[in-house]
Amino acid sequence: MLIRPNIFASVWKPLKGPVVDWALAVCDAKSIKSADEFTSTDVIGDENGGLSEDLRVSYDQNHKWYYLKDQTPDELILFRQCDTDRNKFGKSYSDKKTTT
């Protein structure tokens, strides 16, 4: 049986802007070197009342993160959340000292 690769992509854009706090950041999957950098967590009681699992990336100074500074509603980010070959993760964060 031939197994096809699966890619899960997302489009993100703000409803209001410019985004000053809590910008969406994405991590370059090539900068993640080891499975030890992941932590598996359970998400209990999602909107369907069920249980799901999430993978979180532990901090590593070698990770490469990207975001759009002062993103406006007419700018969008298209990113790959994961695929069957390698994962990419998105994270929202607030850091007034960080620049692009």
PDB file of N, CA and C in Angstrom:
ATOM      1  N   MET A   1       0.840  -1.178   0.000  1.00  0.00           N
ATOM      2  CA  MET A   1       0.000   0.000   0.000  1.00  0.00           C
ATOM      3  C   MET A   1       0.888   1.245   0.000  1.00  0.00           C
ATOM      4  N   LEU A   2       0.617   2.159  -0.897  1.00  0.00           N
ATOM      5  CA  LEU A   2       1.349   3.405  -0.981  1.00  0.00           C
ATOM      6  C   LEU A   2       0.791   4.395   0.033  1.00  0.00           C
ATOM      7  N   ILE A   3       1.660   4.919   0.880  1.00  0.00           N
ATOM      8  CA  ILE A   3       1.232   5.914   1.872  1.00  0.00           C
ATOM      9  C   ILE A   3       1.640   7.284   1.377  1.00  0.00           C
ATOM     10  N   ARG A   4       0.663   8.150   1.252  1.00  0.00           N
ATOM     11  CA  ARG A   4       0.927   9.508   0.786  1.00  0.00           C
ATOM     12  C   ARG A   4       1.261  10.415   1.968  1.00  0.00           C
ATOM     13  N   PRO A   5       2.138  11.376   1.729  1.00  0.00           N
ATOM     14  CA  PRO A   5       2.424  12.331   2.811  1.00  0.00           C
ATOM     15  C   PRO A   5       1.203  13.200   3.096  1.00  0.00           C
ATOM     16  N   ASN A   6       1.058  13.575   4.342  1.00  0.00           N
ATOM     17  CA  ASN A   6      -0.019  14.463   4.762  1.00  0.00           C
ATOM     18  C   ASN A   6       0.580  15.758   5.271  1.00  0.00           C
ATOM     19  N   ILE A   7       0.004  16.865   4.831  1.00  0.00           N
ATOM     20  CA  ILE A   7       0.443  18.179   5.283  1.00  0.00           C
ATOM     21  C   ILE A   7      -0.768  18.908   5.836  1.00  0.00           C
ATOM     22  N   PHE A   8      -0.623  19.472   7.037  1.00  0.00           N
ATOM     23  CA  PHE A   8      -1.665  20.278   7.656  1.00  0.00           C
ATOM     24  C   PHE A   8      -1.172  21.714   7.670  1.00  0.00           C
ATOM     25  N   ALA A   9      -1.862  22.569   6.941  1.00  0.00           N
ATOM     26  CA  ALA A   9      -1.463  23.964   6.837  1.00  0.00           C
ATOM     27  C   ALA A   9      -2.520  24.853   7.484  1.00  0.00           C
ATOM     28  N   SER A  10      -2.097  26.018   7.915  1.00  0.00           N
ATOM     29  CA  SER A  10      -3.004  26.999   8.503  1.00  0.00           C
ATOM     30  C   SER A  10      -2.754  28.368   7.897  1.00  0.00           C
ATOM     31  N   VAL A  11      -3.810  29.153   7.874  1.00  0.00           N
ATOM     32  CA  VAL A  11      -3.712  30.552   7.485  1.00  0.00           C
ATOM     33  C   VAL A  11      -4.099  31.356   8.707  1.00  0.00           C
ATOM     34  N   TRP A  12      -3.286  32.329   9.059  1.00  0.00           N
ATOM     35  CA  TRP A  12      -3.555  33.156  10.235  1.00  0.00           C
ATOM     36  C   TRP A  12      -3.450  34.617   9.858  1.00  0.00           C
ATOM     37  N   LYS A  13      -4.448  35.382  10.270  1.00  0.00           N
ATOM     38  CA  LYS A  13      -4.397  36.830  10.109  1.00  0.00           C
ATOM     39  C   LYS A  13      -5.198  37.453  11.236  1.00  0.00           C
ATOM     40  N   PRO A  14      -4.806  38.639  11.667  1.00  0.00           N
ATOM     41  CA  PRO A  14      -5.531  39.284  12.755  1.00  0.00           C
ATOM     42  C   PRO A  14      -6.848  39.879  12.261  1.00  0.00           C
ATOM     43  N   LEU A  15      -7.845  39.929  13.136  1.00  0.00           N
ATOM     44  CA  LEU A  15      -9.107  40.580  12.811  1.00  0.00           C
ATOM     45  C   LEU A  15      -8.985  42.089  12.948  1.00  0.00           C
ATOM     46  N   LYS A  16      -8.118  42.520  13.869  1.00  0.00           N
ATOM     47  CA  LYS A  16      -7.827  43.938  14.069  1.00  0.00           C
ATOM     48  C   LYS A  16      -6.317  44.095  14.103  1.00  0.00           C
ATOM     49  N   GLY A  17      -5.863  45.259  13.841  1.00  0.00           N
ATOM     50  CA  GLY A  17      -4.424  45.434  13.881  1.00  0.00           C
ATOM     51  C   GLY A  17      -4.062  46.900  13.884  1.00  0.00           C
ATOM     52  N   PRO A  18      -2.814  47.186  13.958  1.00  0.00           N
ATOM     53  CA  PRO A  18      -1.713  46.223  13.912  1.00  0.00           C
ATOM     54  C   PRO A  18      -1.568  45.435  15.219  1.00  0.00           C
ATOM     55  N   VAL A  19      -1.047  44.227  15.103  1.00  0.00           N
ATOM     56  CA  VAL A  19      -0.822  43.381  16.274  1.00  0.00           C
ATOM     57  C   VAL A  19       0.462  43.847  16.952  1.00  0.00           C
ATOM     58  N   VAL A  20       0.325  44.296  18.183  1.00  0.00           N
ATOM     59  CA  VAL A  20       1.483  44.763  18.938  1.00  0.00           C
ATOM     60  C   VAL A  20       1.886  43.710  19.961  1.00  0.00           C
ATOM     61  N   ASP A  21       0.908  43.124  20.656  1.00  0.00           N
ATOM     62  CA  ASP A  21       1.161  42.054  21.630  1.00  0.00           C
ATOM     63  C   ASP A  21       0.614  40.742  21.085  1.00  0.00           C
ATOM     64  N   TRP A  22       1.176  39.667  21.525  1.00  0.00           N
ATOM     65  CA  TRP A  22       0.708  38.314  21.218  1.00  0.00           C
ATOM     66  C   TRP A  22       0.728  38.009  19.722  1.00  0.00           C
ATOM     67  N   ALA A  23       1.821  38.320  19.067  1.00  0.00           N
ATOM     68  CA  ALA A  23       1.990  37.972  17.655  1.00  0.00           C
ATOM     69  C   ALA A  23       2.135  36.456  17.508  1.00  0.00           C
ATOM     70  N   LEU A  24       1.685  35.937  16.374  1.00  0.00           N
ATOM     71  CA  LEU A  24       1.864  34.517  16.092  1.00  0.00           C
ATOM     72  C   LEU A  24       3.293  34.310  15.610  1.00  0.00           C
ATOM     73  N   ALA A  25       4.013  33.414  16.258  1.00  0.00           N
ATOM     74  CA  ALA A  25       5.382  33.088  15.844  1.00  0.00           C
ATOM     75  C   ALA A  25       5.414  31.642  15.371  1.00  0.00           C
ATOM     76  N   VAL A  26       6.236  31.370  14.379  1.00  0.00           N
ATOM     77  CA  VAL A  26       6.412  30.009  13.881  1.00  0.00           C
ATOM     78  C   VAL A  26       7.878  29.628  13.993  1.00  0.00           C
ATOM     79  N   CYS A  27       8.091  28.378  14.337  1.00  0.00           N
ATOM     80  CA  CYS A  27       9.450  27.863  14.513  1.00  0.00           C
ATOM     81  C   CYS A  27       9.865  27.116  13.251  1.00  0.00           C
ATOM     82  N   ASP A  28      11.071  27.375  12.792  1.00  0.00           N
ATOM     83  CA  ASP A  28      11.626  26.666  11.650  1.00  0.00           C
ATOM     84  C   ASP A  28      11.924  25.229  12.072  1.00  0.00           C
ATOM     85  N   ALA A  29      11.259  24.272  11.445  1.00  0.00           N
ATOM     86  CA  ALA A  29      11.411  22.859  11.819  1.00  0.00           C
ATOM     87  C   ALA A  29      12.855  22.373  11.677  1.00  0.00           C
ATOM     88  N   LYS A  30      13.606  22.966  10.771  1.00  0.00           N
ATOM     89  CA  LYS A  30      14.996  22.548  10.585  1.00  0.00           C
ATOM     90  C   LYS A  30      15.862  22.885  11.785  1.00  0.00           C
ATOM     91  N   SER A  31      15.399  23.806  12.638  1.00  0.00           N
ATOM     92  CA  SER A  31      16.178  24.177  13.819  1.00  0.00           C
ATOM     93  C   SER A  31      15.882  23.267  15.017  1.00  0.00           C
ATOM     94  N   ILE A  32      14.924  22.347  14.880  1.00  0.00           N
ATOM     95  CA  ILE A  32      14.617  21.369  15.930  1.00  0.00           C
ATOM     96  C   ILE A  32      15.437  20.121  15.644  1.00  0.00           C
ATOM     97  N   LYS A  33      16.334  19.783  16.550  1.00  0.00           N
ATOM     98  CA  LYS A  33      17.301  18.723  16.281  1.00  0.00           C
ATOM     99  C   LYS A  33      16.986  17.380  16.927  1.00  0.00           C
ATOM    100  N   SER A  34      16.136  17.355  17.942  1.00  0.00           N
ATOM    101  CA  SER A  34      15.950  16.117  18.690  1.00  0.00           C
ATOM    102  C   SER A  34      14.506  15.955  19.151  1.00  0.00           C
ATOM    103  N   ALA A  35      14.033  14.721  19.192  1.00  0.00           N
ATOM    104  CA  ALA A  35      12.697  14.432  19.720  1.00  0.00           C
ATOM    105  C   ALA A  35      12.612  14.764  21.206  1.00  0.00           C
ATOM    106  N   ASP A  36      13.765  14.879  21.878  1.00  0.00           N
ATOM    107  CA  ASP A  36      13.783  15.238  23.302  1.00  0.00           C
ATOM    108  C   ASP A  36      13.292  16.663  23.532  1.00  0.00           C
ATOM    109  N   GLU A  37      13.190  17.470  22.476  1.00  0.00           N
ATOM    110  CA  GLU A  37      12.739  18.847  22.598  1.00  0.00           C
ATOM    111  C   GLU A  37      11.213  18.955  22.663  1.00  0.00           C
ATOM    112  N   PHE A  38      10.510  17.823  22.527  1.00  0.00           N
ATOM    113  CA  PHE A  38       9.053  17.811  22.554  1.00  0.00           C
ATOM    114  C   PHE A  38       8.528  17.298  23.881  1.00  0.00           C
ATOM    115  N   THR A  39       7.414  17.878  24.315  1.00  0.00           N
ATOM    116  CA  THR A  39       6.702  17.398  25.489  1.00  0.00           C
ATOM    117  C   THR A  39       5.269  17.116  25.062  1.00  0.00           C
ATOM    118  N   SER A  40       4.790  15.928  25.357  1.00  0.00           N
ATOM    119  CA  SER A  40       3.421  15.547  25.026  1.00  0.00           C
ATOM    120  C   SER A  40       2.502  15.979  26.162  1.00  0.00           C
ATOM    121  N   THR A  41       1.398  16.661  25.840  1.00  0.00           N
ATOM    122  CA  THR A  41       0.443  17.103  26.860  1.00  0.00           C
ATOM    123  C   THR A  41      -0.970  16.706  26.443  1.00  0.00           C
ATOM    124  N   ASP A  42      -1.813  16.441  27.412  1.00  0.00           N
ATOM    125  CA  ASP A  42      -3.214  16.136  27.153  1.00  0.00           C
ATOM    126  C   ASP A  42      -4.038  17.406  27.254  1.00  0.00           C
ATOM    127  N   VAL A  43      -4.970  17.559  26.338  1.00  0.00           N
ATOM    128  CA  VAL A  43      -5.919  18.672  26.379  1.00  0.00           C
ATOM    129  C   VAL A  43      -7.259  18.054  26.742  1.00  0.00           C
ATOM    130  N   ILE A  44      -7.711  18.314  27.968  1.00  0.00           N
ATOM    131  CA  ILE A  44      -8.928  17.684  28.481  1.00  0.00           C
ATOM    132  C   ILE A  44     -10.084  18.670  28.403  1.00  0.00           C
ATOM    133  N   GLY A  45     -11.222  18.189  27.915  1.00  0.00           N
ATOM    134  CA  GLY A  45     -12.413  19.025  27.857  1.00  0.00           C
ATOM    135  C   GLY A  45     -12.355  20.062  26.769  1.00  0.00           C
ATOM    136  N   ASP A  46     -11.982  19.642  25.554  1.00  0.00           N
ATOM    137  CA  ASP A  46     -12.010  20.585  24.443  1.00  0.00           C
ATOM    138  C   ASP A  46     -13.456  20.948  24.120  1.00  0.00           C
ATOM    139  N   GLU A  47     -13.684  21.726  23.078  1.00  0.00           N
ATOM    140  CA  GLU A  47     -15.025  22.208  22.784  1.00  0.00           C
ATOM    141  C   GLU A  47     -16.031  21.087  22.536  1.00  0.00           C
ATOM    142  N   ASN A  48     -15.554  19.892  22.211  1.00  0.00           N
ATOM    143  CA  ASN A  48     -16.442  18.742  22.021  1.00  0.00           C
ATOM    144  C   ASN A  48     -16.527  17.880  23.276  1.00  0.00           C
ATOM    145  N   GLY A  49     -15.909  18.328  24.360  1.00  0.00           N
ATOM    146  CA  GLY A  49     -15.934  17.577  25.609  1.00  0.00           C
ATOM    147  C   GLY A  49     -15.017  16.373  25.616  1.00  0.00           C
ATOM    148  N   GLY A  50     -14.140  16.289  24.637  1.00  0.00           N
ATOM    149  CA  GLY A  50     -13.274  15.120  24.511  1.00  0.00           C
ATOM    150  C   GLY A  50     -11.868  15.351  25.013  1.00  0.00           C
ATOM    151  N   LEU A  51     -10.999  14.463  24.612  1.00  0.00           N
ATOM    152  CA  LEU A  51      -9.598  14.482  25.014  1.00  0.00           C
ATOM    153  C   LEU A  51      -8.749  14.487  23.750  1.00  0.00           C
ATOM    154  N   SER A  52      -7.749  15.321  23.717  1.00  0.00           N
ATOM    155  CA  SER A  52      -6.817  15.320  22.595  1.00  0.00           C
ATOM    156  C   SER A  52      -5.399  15.451  23.137  1.00  0.00           C
ATOM    157  N   GLU A  53      -4.442  15.264  22.270  1.00  0.00           N
ATOM    158  CA  GLU A  53      -3.043  15.353  22.681  1.00  0.00           C
ATOM    159  C   GLU A  53      -2.353  16.432  21.869  1.00  0.00           C
ATOM    160  N   ASP A  54      -1.411  17.096  22.501  1.00  0.00           N
ATOM    161  CA  ASP A  54      -0.703  18.211  21.897  1.00  0.00           C
ATOM    162  C   ASP A  54       0.784  17.976  22.102  1.00  0.00           C
ATOM    163  N   LEU A  55       1.600  18.392  21.153  1.00  0.00           N
ATOM    164  CA  LEU A  55       3.056  18.358  21.330  1.00  0.00           C
ATOM    165  C   LEU A  55       3.540  19.785  21.503  1.00  0.00           C
ATOM    166  N   ARG A  56       4.349  20.002  22.503  1.00  0.00           N
ATOM    167  CA  ARG A  56       4.911  21.333  22.761  1.00  0.00           C
ATOM    168  C   ARG A  56       6.419  21.258  22.593  1.00  0.00           C
ATOM    169  N   VAL A  57       6.975  22.345  22.124  1.00  0.00           N
ATOM    170  CA  VAL A  57       8.421  22.419  21.919  1.00  0.00           C
ATOM    171  C   VAL A  57       9.056  23.062  23.138  1.00  0.00           C
ATOM    172  N   SER A  58      10.066  22.406  23.695  1.00  0.00           N
ATOM    173  CA  SER A  58      10.821  22.986  24.798  1.00  0.00           C
ATOM    174  C   SER A  58      11.820  23.994  24.241  1.00  0.00           C
ATOM    175  N   TYR A  59      12.104  25.014  25.019  1.00  0.00           N
ATOM    176  CA  TYR A  59      13.012  26.072  24.572  1.00  0.00           C
ATOM    177  C   TYR A  59      14.406  25.529  24.282  1.00  0.00           C
ATOM    178  N   ASP A  60      14.971  26.004  23.196  1.00  0.00           N
ATOM    179  CA  ASP A  60      16.363  25.742  22.853  1.00  0.00           C
ATOM    180  C   ASP A  60      16.892  27.000  22.169  1.00  0.00           C
ATOM    181  N   GLN A  61      18.046  27.470  22.588  1.00  0.00           N
ATOM    182  CA  GLN A  61      18.586  28.714  22.036  1.00  0.00           C
ATOM    183  C   GLN A  61      18.892  28.609  20.545  1.00  0.00           C
ATOM    184  N   ASN A  62      18.951  27.398  20.004  1.00  0.00           N
ATOM    185  CA  ASN A  62      19.242  27.217  18.587  1.00  0.00           C
ATOM    186  C   ASN A  62      18.000  27.230  17.699  1.00  0.00           C
ATOM    187  N   HIS A  63      16.811  27.284  18.301  1.00  0.00           N
ATOM    188  CA  HIS A  63      15.592  27.363  17.495  1.00  0.00           C
ATOM    189  C   HIS A  63      15.529  28.691  16.766  1.00  0.00           C
ATOM    190  N   LYS A  64      14.981  28.656  15.577  1.00  0.00           N
ATOM    191  CA  LYS A  64      14.788  29.876  14.790  1.00  0.00           C
ATOM    192  C   LYS A  64      13.296  30.167  14.732  1.00  0.00           C
ATOM    193  N   TRP A  65      12.898  31.326  15.259  1.00  0.00           N
ATOM    194  CA  TRP A  65      11.501  31.734  15.304  1.00  0.00           C
ATOM    195  C   TRP A  65      11.294  32.953  14.413  1.00  0.00           C
ATOM    196  N   TYR A  66      10.105  33.008  13.790  1.00  0.00           N
ATOM    197  CA  TYR A  66       9.768  34.106  12.890  1.00  0.00           C
ATOM    198  C   TYR A  66       8.364  34.623  13.195  1.00  0.00           C
ATOM    199  N   TYR A  67       8.158  35.922  13.018  1.00  0.00           N
ATOM    200  CA  TYR A  67       6.835  36.512  13.147  1.00  0.00           C
ATOM    201  C   TYR A  67       6.797  37.813  12.358  1.00  0.00           C
ATOM    202  N   LEU A  68       5.581  38.306  12.092  1.00  0.00           N
ATOM    203  CA  LEU A  68       5.406  39.597  11.438  1.00  0.00           C
ATOM    204  C   LEU A  68       5.197  40.655  12.494  1.00  0.00           C
ATOM    205  N   LYS A  69       6.081  41.624  12.549  1.00  0.00           N
ATOM    206  CA  LYS A  69       5.951  42.714  13.504  1.00  0.00           C
ATOM    207  C   LYS A  69       4.849  43.656  13.040  1.00  0.00           C
ATOM    208  N   ASP A  70       3.968  44.052  13.973  1.00  0.00           N
ATOM    209  CA  ASP A  70       2.872  44.982  13.680  1.00  0.00           C
ATOM    210  C   ASP A  70       1.995  44.491  12.525  1.00  0.00           C
ATOM    211  N   GLN A  71       1.680  43.195  12.523  1.00  0.00           N
ATOM    212  CA  GLN A  71       0.866  42.602  11.462  1.00  0.00           C
ATOM    213  C   GLN A  71      -0.513  43.263  11.394  1.00  0.00           C
ATOM    214  N   THR A  72      -0.970  43.542  10.183  1.00  0.00           N
ATOM    215  CA  THR A  72      -2.267  44.178   9.957  1.00  0.00           C
ATOM    216  C   THR A  72      -3.238  43.166   9.341  1.00  0.00           C
ATOM    217  N   PRO A  73      -4.550  43.451   9.361  1.00  0.00           N
ATOM    218  CA  PRO A  73      -5.534  42.508   8.827  1.00  0.00           C
ATOM    219  C   PRO A  73      -5.369  42.167   7.346  1.00  0.00           C
ATOM    220  N   ASP A  74      -4.670  42.997   6.577  1.00  0.00           N
ATOM    221  CA  ASP A  74      -4.467  42.657   5.167  1.00  0.00           C
ATOM    222  C   ASP A  74      -3.197  41.828   4.934  1.00  0.00           C
ATOM    223  N   GLU A  75      -2.502  41.430   6.011  1.00  0.00           N
ATOM    224  CA  GLU A  75      -1.328  40.558   5.912  1.00  0.00           C
ATOM    225  C   GLU A  75      -1.680  39.213   6.544  1.00  0.00           C
ATOM    226  N   LEU A  76      -1.347  38.138   5.871  1.00  0.00           N
ATOM    227  CA  LEU A  76      -1.623  36.824   6.453  1.00  0.00           C
ATOM    228  C   LEU A  76      -0.362  35.987   6.488  1.00  0.00           C
ATOM    229  N   ILE A  77      -0.386  34.987   7.350  1.00  0.00           N
ATOM    230  CA  ILE A  77       0.708  34.029   7.462  1.00  0.00           C
ATOM    231  C   ILE A  77       0.149  32.677   7.048  1.00  0.00           C
ATOM    232  N   LEU A  78       0.761  32.061   6.065  1.00  0.00           N
ATOM    233  CA  LEU A  78       0.433  30.700   5.663  1.00  0.00           C
ATOM    234  C   LEU A  78       1.581  29.833   6.152  1.00  0.00           C
ATOM    235  N   PHE A  79       1.279  28.860   6.996  1.00  0.00           N
ATOM    236  CA  PHE A  79       2.355  28.034   7.532  1.00  0.00           C
ATOM    237  C   PHE A  79       1.923  26.584   7.643  1.00  0.00           C
ATOM    238  N   ARG A  80       2.906  25.723   7.595  1.00  0.00           N
ATOM    239  CA  ARG A  80       2.666  24.290   7.722  1.00  0.00           C
ATOM    240  C   ARG A  80       2.705  23.957   9.203  1.00  0.00           C
ATOM    241  N   GLN A  81       1.574  23.474   9.740  1.00  0.00           N
ATOM    242  CA  GLN A  81       1.552  23.085  11.148  1.00  0.00           C
ATOM    243  C   GLN A  81       2.323  21.794  11.352  1.00  0.00           C
ATOM    244  N   CYS A  82       2.098  20.845  10.484  1.00  0.00           N
ATOM    245  CA  CYS A  82       2.860  19.599  10.566  1.00  0.00           C
ATOM    246  C   CYS A  82       2.716  18.855   9.249  1.00  0.00           C
ATOM    247  N   ASP A  83       3.613  17.938   9.033  1.00  0.00           N
ATOM    248  CA  ASP A  83       3.487  17.015   7.915  1.00  0.00           C
ATOM    249  C   ASP A  83       4.065  15.679   8.355  1.00  0.00           C
ATOM    250  N   THR A  84       3.963  14.682   7.505  1.00  0.00           N
ATOM    251  CA  THR A  84       4.407  13.352   7.902  1.00  0.00           C
ATOM    252  C   THR A  84       5.923  13.207   7.899  1.00  0.00           C
ATOM    253  N   ASP A  85       6.630  14.194   7.339  1.00  0.00           N
ATOM    254  CA  ASP A  85       8.087  14.139   7.317  1.00  0.00           C
ATOM    255  C   ASP A  85       8.726  14.875   8.485  1.00  0.00           C
ATOM    256  N   ARG A  86       8.183  16.043   8.822  1.00  0.00           N
ATOM    257  CA  ARG A  86       8.775  16.863   9.866  1.00  0.00           C
ATOM    258  C   ARG A  86       7.735  17.848  10.385  1.00  0.00           C
ATOM    259  N   ASN A  87       7.820  18.233  11.633  1.00  0.00           N
ATOM    260  CA  ASN A  87       6.828  19.137  12.220  1.00  0.00           C
ATOM    261  C   ASN A  87       7.294  20.578  12.224  1.00  0.00           C
ATOM    262  N   LYS A  88       6.317  21.482  12.087  1.00  0.00           N
ATOM    263  CA  LYS A  88       6.521  22.903  12.343  1.00  0.00           C
ATOM    264  C   LYS A  88       5.473  23.303  13.349  1.00  0.00           C
ATOM    265  N   PHE A  89       5.827  24.165  14.236  1.00  0.00           N
ATOM    266  CA  PHE A  89       4.919  24.542  15.300  1.00  0.00           C
ATOM    267  C   PHE A  89       4.685  26.034  15.289  1.00  0.00           C
ATOM    268  N   GLY A  90       3.503  26.450  15.689  1.00  0.00           N
ATOM    269  CA  GLY A  90       3.201  27.857  15.851  1.00  0.00           C
ATOM    270  C   GLY A  90       2.961  28.154  17.319  1.00  0.00           C
ATOM    271  N   LYS A  91       3.315  29.329  17.746  1.00  0.00           N
ATOM    272  CA  LYS A  91       3.137  29.688  19.149  1.00  0.00           C
ATOM    273  C   LYS A  91       2.839  31.174  19.209  1.00  0.00           C
ATOM    274  N   SER A  92       1.934  31.529  20.072  1.00  0.00           N
ATOM    275  CA  SER A  92       1.645  32.945  20.284  1.00  0.00           C
ATOM    276  C   SER A  92       2.412  33.400  21.520  1.00  0.00           C
ATOM    277  N   TYR A  93       3.028  34.568  21.445  1.00  0.00           N
ATOM    278  CA  TYR A  93       3.789  35.056  22.580  1.00  0.00           C
ATOM    279  C   TYR A  93       3.798  36.569  22.601  1.00  0.00           C
ATOM    280  N   SER A  94       4.158  37.103  23.722  1.00  0.00           N
ATOM    281  CA  SER A  94       4.252  38.552  23.864  1.00  0.00           C
ATOM    282  C   SER A  94       5.655  38.905  24.351  1.00  0.00           C
ATOM    283  N   ASP A  95       6.348  39.743  23.590  1.00  0.00           N
ATOM    284  CA  ASP A  95       7.671  40.183  23.978  1.00  0.00           C
ATOM    285  C   ASP A  95       7.920  41.534  23.332  1.00  0.00           C
ATOM    286  N   LYS A  96       7.748  42.591  24.089  1.00  0.00           N
ATOM    287  CA  LYS A  96       7.884  43.932  23.526  1.00  0.00           C
ATOM    288  C   LYS A  96       9.308  44.256  23.098  1.00  0.00           C
ATOM    289  N   LYS A  97      10.303  43.511  23.583  1.00  0.00           N
ATOM    290  CA  LYS A  97      11.698  43.787  23.241  1.00  0.00           C
ATOM    291  C   LYS A  97      12.119  43.108  21.937  1.00  0.00           C
ATOM    292  N   THR A  98      11.344  42.126  21.464  1.00  0.00           N
ATOM    293  CA  THR A  98      11.730  41.353  20.278  1.00  0.00           C
ATOM    294  C   THR A  98      11.412  42.124  19.019  1.00  0.00           C
ATOM    295  N   THR A  99      12.311  42.063  18.067  1.00  0.00           N
ATOM    296  CA  THR A  99      12.084  42.688  16.764  1.00  0.00           C
ATOM    297  C   THR A  99      12.217  41.622  15.694  1.00  0.00           C
ATOM    298  N   THR A 100      11.759  41.952  14.506  1.00  0.00           N
ATOM    299  CA  THR A 100      11.845  40.989  13.408  1.00  0.00           C
ATOM    300  C   THR A 100      13.230  40.943  12.821  1.00  0.00           C
TER     301      THR A 100
END
